[in-house]
PDB file of N, CA and C in Angstrom:
ATOM      1  N   MET A   1       0.840  -1.193   0.007  1.00  0.00           N
ATOM      2  CA  MET A   1      -0.011   0.000   0.006  1.00  0.00           C
ATOM      3  C   MET A   1       0.871   1.245   0.012  1.00  0.00           C
ATOM      4  N   ALA A   2       1.965   1.231   0.773  1.00  0.00           N
ATOM      5  CA  ALA A   2       2.846   2.396   0.835  1.00  0.00           C
ATOM      6  C   ALA A   2       3.482   2.660  -0.550  1.00  0.00           C
ATOM      7  N   HIS A   3       3.775   1.585  -1.259  1.00  0.00           N
ATOM      8  CA  HIS A   3       4.377   1.782  -2.573  1.00  0.00           C
ATOM      9  C   HIS A   3       3.374   2.408  -3.541  1.00  0.00           C
ATOM     10  N   THR A   4       2.133   2.020  -3.443  1.00  0.00           N
ATOM     11  CA  THR A   4       1.095   2.574  -4.296  1.00  0.00           C
ATOM     12  C   THR A   4       0.949   4.090  -4.059  1.00  0.00           C
ATOM     13  N   LEU A   5       0.952   4.463  -2.803  1.00  0.00           N
ATOM     14  CA  LEU A   5       0.842   5.887  -2.492  1.00  0.00           C
ATOM     15  C   LEU A   5       2.051   6.661  -2.977  1.00  0.00           C
ATOM     16  N   LYS A   6       3.221   6.048  -2.838  1.00  0.00           N
ATOM     17  CA  LYS A   6       4.437   6.724  -3.281  1.00  0.00           C
ATOM     18  C   LYS A   6       4.419   6.920  -4.799  1.00  0.00           C
ATOM     19  N   ILE A   7       3.991   5.906  -5.533  1.00  0.00           N
ATOM     20  CA  ILE A   7       3.962   6.005  -6.973  1.00  0.00           C
ATOM     21  C   ILE A   7       2.984   7.110  -7.416  1.00  0.00           C
ATOM     22  N   GLY A   8       1.853   7.187  -6.723  1.00  0.00           N
ATOM     23  CA  GLY A   8       0.884   8.198  -7.044  1.00  0.00           C
ATOM     24  C   GLY A   8       1.355   9.611  -6.811  1.00  0.00           C
ATOM     25  N   SER A   9       2.361   9.788  -5.953  1.00  0.00           N
ATOM     26  CA  SER A   9       2.849  11.133  -5.661  1.00  0.00           C
ATOM     27  C   SER A   9       4.058  11.525  -6.497  1.00  0.00           C
ATOM     28  N   LEU A  10       4.542  10.635  -7.344  1.00  0.00           N
ATOM     29  CA  LEU A  10       5.674  10.973  -8.190  1.00  0.00           C
ATOM     30  C   LEU A  10       5.242  11.905  -9.316  1.00  0.00           C
ATOM     31  N   PRO A  11       6.177  12.764  -9.773  1.00  0.00           N
ATOM     32  CA  PRO A  11       5.785  13.738 -10.837  1.00  0.00           C
ATOM     33  C   PRO A  11       5.314  13.079 -12.119  1.00  0.00           C
ATOM     34  N   HIS A  12       5.857  11.945 -12.498  1.00  0.00           N
ATOM     35  CA  HIS A  12       5.456  11.316 -13.740  1.00  0.00           C
ATOM     36  C   HIS A  12       4.118  10.611 -13.651  1.00  0.00           C
ATOM     37  N   ALA A  13       3.547  10.530 -12.439  1.00  0.00           N
ATOM     38  CA  ALA A  13       2.268   9.891 -12.289  1.00  0.00           C
ATOM     39  C   ALA A  13       1.183  10.647 -13.036  1.00  0.00           C
ATOM     40  N   ALA A  14       1.260  11.989 -13.047  1.00  0.00           N
ATOM     41  CA  ALA A  14       0.253  12.765 -13.780  1.00  0.00           C
ATOM     42  C   ALA A  14       0.365  12.471 -15.259  1.00  0.00           C
ATOM     43  N   GLN A  15       1.586  12.333 -15.777  1.00  0.00           N
ATOM     44  CA  GLN A  15       1.786  12.008 -17.163  1.00  0.00           C
ATOM     45  C   GLN A  15       1.185  10.616 -17.467  1.00  0.00           C
ATOM     46  N   ALA A  16       1.418   9.677 -16.582  1.00  0.00           N
ATOM     47  CA  ALA A  16       0.896   8.299 -16.757  1.00  0.00           C
ATOM     48  C   ALA A  16      -0.633   8.315 -16.784  1.00  0.00           C
ATOM     49  N   LYS A  17      -1.236   9.164 -15.887  1.00  0.00           N
ATOM     50  CA  LYS A  17      -2.699   9.231 -15.870  1.00  0.00           C
ATOM     51  C   LYS A  17      -3.199   9.862 -17.168  1.00  0.00           C
ATOM     52  N   ALA A  18      -2.534  10.856 -17.651  1.00  0.00           N
ATOM     53  CA  ALA A  18      -2.935  11.511 -18.916  1.00  0.00           C
ATOM     54  C   ALA A  18      -2.793  10.529 -20.078  1.00  0.00           C
ATOM     55  N   SER A  19      -1.670   9.780 -20.045  1.00  0.00           N
ATOM     56  CA  SER A  19      -1.471   8.764 -21.100  1.00  0.00           C
ATOM     57  C   SER A  19      -2.514   7.692 -21.022  1.00  0.00           C
ATOM     58  N   GLU A  20      -2.907   7.298 -19.819  1.00  0.00           N
ATOM     59  CA  GLU A  20      -3.962   6.271 -19.633  1.00  0.00           C
ATOM     60  C   GLU A  20      -5.296   6.753 -20.179  1.00  0.00           C
ATOM     61  N   SER A  21      -5.557   8.032 -19.940  1.00  0.00           N
ATOM     62  CA  SER A  21      -6.819   8.625 -20.445  1.00  0.00           C
ATOM     63  C   SER A  21      -6.801   8.684 -21.973  1.00  0.00           C
ATOM     64  N   GLN A  22      -5.689   9.073 -22.532  1.00  0.00           N
ATOM     65  CA  GLN A  22      -5.549   9.091 -23.995  1.00  0.00           C
ATOM     66  C   GLN A  22      -5.649   7.693 -24.572  1.00  0.00           C
ATOM     67  N   SER A  23      -5.070   6.736 -23.879  1.00  0.00           N
ATOM     68  CA  SER A  23      -5.131   5.328 -24.340  1.00  0.00           C
ATOM     69  C   SER A  23      -6.575   4.847 -24.319  1.00  0.00           C
ATOM     70  N   SER A  24      -7.337   5.264 -23.312  1.00  0.00           N
ATOM     71  CA  SER A  24      -8.740   4.902 -23.209  1.00  0.00           C
ATOM     72  C   SER A  24      -9.516   5.485 -24.385  1.00  0.00           C
ATOM     73  N   ARG A  25      -9.242   6.732 -24.696  1.00  0.00           N
ATOM     74  CA  ARG A  25      -9.943   7.406 -25.832  1.00  0.00           C
ATOM     75  C   ARG A  25      -9.536   6.713 -27.114  1.00  0.00           C
ATOM     76  N   THR A  26      -8.279   6.380 -27.294  1.00  0.00           N
ATOM     77  CA  THR A  26      -7.811   5.682 -28.511  1.00  0.00           C
ATOM     78  C   THR A  26      -8.506   4.375 -28.633  1.00  0.00           C
ATOM     79  N   ARG A  27      -8.591   3.622 -27.534  1.00  0.00           N
ATOM     80  CA  ARG A  27      -9.238   2.324 -27.532  1.00  0.00           C
ATOM     81  C   ARG A  27     -10.703   2.455 -27.899  1.00  0.00           C
ATOM     82  N   ALA A  28     -11.371   3.464 -27.368  1.00  0.00           N
ATOM     83  CA  ALA A  28     -12.789   3.692 -27.663  1.00  0.00           C
ATOM     84  C   ALA A  28     -12.946   4.023 -29.166  1.00  0.00           C
ATOM     85  N   ASN A  29     -12.035   4.825 -29.687  1.00  0.00           N
ATOM     86  CA  ASN A  29     -12.089   5.200 -31.099  1.00  0.00           C
ATOM     87  C   ASN A  29     -11.887   3.969 -31.983  1.00  0.00           C
ATOM     88  N   LEU A  30     -10.990   3.089 -31.600  1.00  0.00           N
ATOM     89  CA  LEU A  30     -10.738   1.871 -32.386  1.00  0.00           C
ATOM     90  C   LEU A  30     -11.976   0.935 -32.324  1.00  0.00           C
ATOM     91  N   VAL A  31     -12.564   0.843 -31.163  1.00  0.00           N
ATOM     92  CA  VAL A  31     -13.779   0.028 -31.020  1.00  0.00           C
ATOM     93  C   VAL A  31     -14.876   0.569 -31.894  1.00  0.00           C
ATOM     94  N   THR A  32     -15.023   1.887 -31.931  1.00  0.00           N
ATOM     95  CA  THR A  32     -16.075   2.530 -32.769  1.00  0.00           C
ATOM     96  C   THR A  32     -15.784   2.249 -34.247  1.00  0.00           C
ATOM     97  N   LYS A  33     -14.536   2.364 -34.663  1.00  0.00           N
ATOM     98  CA  LYS A  33     -14.193   2.100 -36.051  1.00  0.00           C
ATOM     99  C   LYS A  33     -14.402   0.611 -36.388  1.00  0.00           C
ATOM    100  N   PHE A  34     -14.067  -0.268 -35.467  1.00  0.00           N
ATOM    101  CA  PHE A  34     -14.249  -1.700 -35.694  1.00  0.00           C
ATOM    102  C   PHE A  34     -15.725  -2.026 -35.819  1.00  0.00           C
ATOM    103  N   ALA A  35     -16.567  -1.445 -34.964  1.00  0.00           N
ATOM    104  CA  ALA A  35     -17.997  -1.665 -35.018  1.00  0.00           C
ATOM    105  C   ALA A  35     -18.582  -1.158 -36.346  1.00  0.00           C
ATOM    106  N   ALA A  36     -18.087  -0.026 -36.830  1.00  0.00           N
ATOM    107  CA  ALA A  36     -18.552   0.511 -38.116  1.00  0.00           C
ATOM    108  C   ALA A  36     -18.150  -0.427 -39.264  1.00  0.00           C
ATOM    109  N   ALA A  37     -16.912  -0.955 -39.199  1.00  0.00           N
ATOM    110  CA  ALA A  37     -16.476  -1.905 -40.228  1.00  0.00           C
ATOM    111  C   ALA A  37     -17.326  -3.160 -40.217  1.00  0.00           C
ATOM    112  N   LEU A  38     -17.628  -3.666 -39.030  1.00  0.00           N
ATOM    113  CA  LEU A  38     -18.506  -4.853 -38.957  1.00  0.00           C
ATOM    114  C   LEU A  38     -19.885  -4.559 -39.505  1.00  0.00           C
ATOM    115  N   ARG A  39     -20.394  -3.368 -39.232  1.00  0.00           N
ATOM    116  CA  ARG A  39     -21.719  -2.983 -39.723  1.00  0.00           C
ATOM    117  C   ARG A  39     -21.687  -2.920 -41.247  1.00  0.00           C
ATOM    118  N   ARG A  40     -20.628  -2.326 -41.808  1.00  0.00           N
ATOM    119  CA  ARG A  40     -20.518  -2.235 -43.282  1.00  0.00           C
ATOM    120  C   ARG A  40     -20.469  -3.643 -43.864  1.00  0.00           C
ATOM    121  N   GLY A  41     -19.677  -4.522 -43.226  1.00  0.00           N
ATOM    122  CA  GLY A  41     -19.594  -5.906 -43.702  1.00  0.00           C
ATOM    123  C   GLY A  41     -20.943  -6.609 -43.630  1.00  0.00           C
ATOM    124  N   GLY A  42     -21.686  -6.349 -42.550  1.00  0.00           N
ATOM    125  CA  GLY A  42     -23.008  -6.932 -42.422  1.00  0.00           C
ATOM    126  C   GLY A  42     -23.960  -6.454 -43.494  1.00  0.00           C
ATOM    127  N   GLU A  43     -23.876  -5.170 -43.818  1.00  0.00           N
ATOM    128  CA  GLU A  43     -24.717  -4.599 -44.859  1.00  0.00           C
ATOM    129  C   GLU A  43     -24.353  -5.252 -46.211  1.00  0.00           C
ATOM    130  N   ALA A  44     -23.078  -5.481 -46.468  1.00  0.00           N
ATOM    131  CA  ALA A  44     -22.670  -6.116 -47.703  1.00  0.00           C
ATOM    132  C   ALA A  44     -23.175  -7.534 -47.778  1.00  0.00           C
ATOM    133  N   ARG A  45     -23.092  -8.281 -46.678  1.00  0.00           N
ATOM    134  CA  ARG A  45     -23.607  -9.659 -46.677  1.00  0.00           C
ATOM    135  C   ARG A  45     -25.120  -9.658 -46.865  1.00  0.00           C
ATOM    136  N   TYR A  46     -25.806  -8.729 -46.242  1.00  0.00           N
ATOM    137  CA  TYR A  46     -27.243  -8.623 -46.359  1.00  0.00           C
ATOM    138  C   TYR A  46     -27.636  -8.341 -47.799  1.00  0.00           C
ATOM    139  N   ALA A  47     -26.900  -7.423 -48.479  1.00  0.00           N
ATOM    140  CA  ALA A  47     -27.124  -7.102 -49.863  1.00  0.00           C
ATOM    141  C   ALA A  47     -26.914  -8.313 -50.752  1.00  0.00           C
ATOM    142  N   LEU A  48     -25.861  -9.118 -50.459  1.00  0.00           N
ATOM    143  CA  LEU A  48     -25.596 -10.308 -51.222  1.00  0.00           C
ATOM    144  C   LEU A  48     -26.759 -11.304 -51.064  1.00  0.00           C
ATOM    145  N   GLN A  49     -27.273 -11.429 -49.848  1.00  0.00           N
ATOM    146  CA  GLN A  49     -28.386 -12.336 -49.616  1.00  0.00           C
ATOM    147  C   GLN A  49     -29.628 -11.900 -50.375  1.00  0.00           C
ATOM    148  N   LEU A  50     -29.899 -10.598 -50.349  1.00  0.00           N
ATOM    149  CA  LEU A  50     -31.056 -10.095 -51.101  1.00  0.00           C
ATOM    150  C   LEU A  50     -30.900 -10.349 -52.597  1.00  0.00           C
ATOM    151  N   ASP A  51     -29.686 -10.126 -53.108  1.00  0.00           N
ATOM    152  CA  ASP A  51     -29.427 -10.415 -54.543  1.00  0.00           C
ATOM    153  C   ASP A  51     -29.658 -11.877 -54.812  1.00  0.00           C
ATOM    154  N   LEU A  52     -29.164 -12.742 -53.985  1.00  0.00           N
ATOM    155  CA  LEU A  52     -29.370 -14.184 -54.187  1.00  0.00           C
ATOM    156  C   LEU A  52     -30.835 -14.557 -54.186  1.00  0.00           C
ATOM    157  N   ILE A  53     -31.575 -13.977 -53.278  1.00  0.00           N
ATOM    158  CA  ILE A  53     -33.024 -14.240 -53.206  1.00  0.00           C
ATOM    159  C   ILE A  53     -33.695 -13.779 -54.467  1.00  0.00           C
ATOM    160  N   GLU A  54     -33.319 -12.586 -54.942  1.00  0.00           N
ATOM    161  CA  GLU A  54     -33.906 -12.070 -56.176  1.00  0.00           C
ATOM    162  C   GLU A  54     -33.588 -12.938 -57.388  1.00  0.00           C
ATOM    163  N   ARG A  55     -32.338 -13.447 -57.454  1.00  0.00           N
ATOM    164  CA  ARG A  55     -31.943 -14.250 -58.606  1.00  0.00           C
ATOM    165  C   ARG A  55     -32.510 -15.656 -58.569  1.00  0.00           C
ATOM    166  N   THR A  56     -32.507 -16.293 -57.383  1.00  0.00           N
ATOM    167  CA  THR A  56     -32.862 -17.676 -57.286  1.00  0.00           C
ATOM    168  C   THR A  56     -34.242 -17.926 -56.681  1.00  0.00           C
ATOM    169  N   GLY A  57     -34.739 -16.943 -56.008  1.00  0.00           N
ATOM    170  CA  GLY A  57     -36.030 -17.101 -55.308  1.00  0.00           C
ATOM    171  C   GLY A  57     -35.919 -17.766 -53.963  1.00  0.00           C
ATOM    172  N   ARG A  58     -34.685 -18.023 -53.500  1.00  0.00           N
ATOM    173  CA  ARG A  58     -34.534 -18.628 -52.187  1.00  0.00           C
ATOM    174  C   ARG A  58     -33.258 -18.115 -51.538  1.00  0.00           C
ATOM    175  N   ALA A  59     -33.241 -18.146 -50.215  1.00  0.00           N
ATOM    176  CA  ALA A  59     -32.086 -17.715 -49.479  1.00  0.00           C
ATOM    177  C   ALA A  59     -31.084 -18.865 -49.362  1.00  0.00           C
ATOM    178  N   GLY A  60     -29.831 -18.532 -49.182  1.00  0.00           N
ATOM    179  CA  GLY A  60     -28.821 -19.533 -49.029  1.00  0.00           C
ATOM    180  C   GLY A  60     -27.545 -18.932 -48.592  1.00  0.00           C
ATOM    181  N   VAL A  61     -26.527 -19.762 -48.428  1.00  0.00           N
ATOM    182  CA  VAL A  61     -25.211 -19.314 -48.037  1.00  0.00           C
ATOM    183  C   VAL A  61     -24.485 -18.776 -49.249  1.00  0.00           C
ATOM    184  N   VAL A  62     -23.937 -17.599 -49.146  1.00  0.00           N
ATOM    185  CA  VAL A  62     -23.248 -17.000 -50.275  1.00  0.00           C
ATOM    186  C   VAL A  62     -21.848 -17.494 -50.315  1.00  0.00           C
TER     187      VAL A  62
END
């Protein structure tokens, strides 16, 4: 416990906290971009399924 308090009082601790906050924002941004990419991929697969249904009259694996 004493070591934890000592680390928190060091001058570079503020930089580490700022870096951690920036890392959290970067991670959130990457998750958002990843979710958008998955959504675009899902839309493409959905469009392929609709095209297959229109061509063959039945759904199936593309």
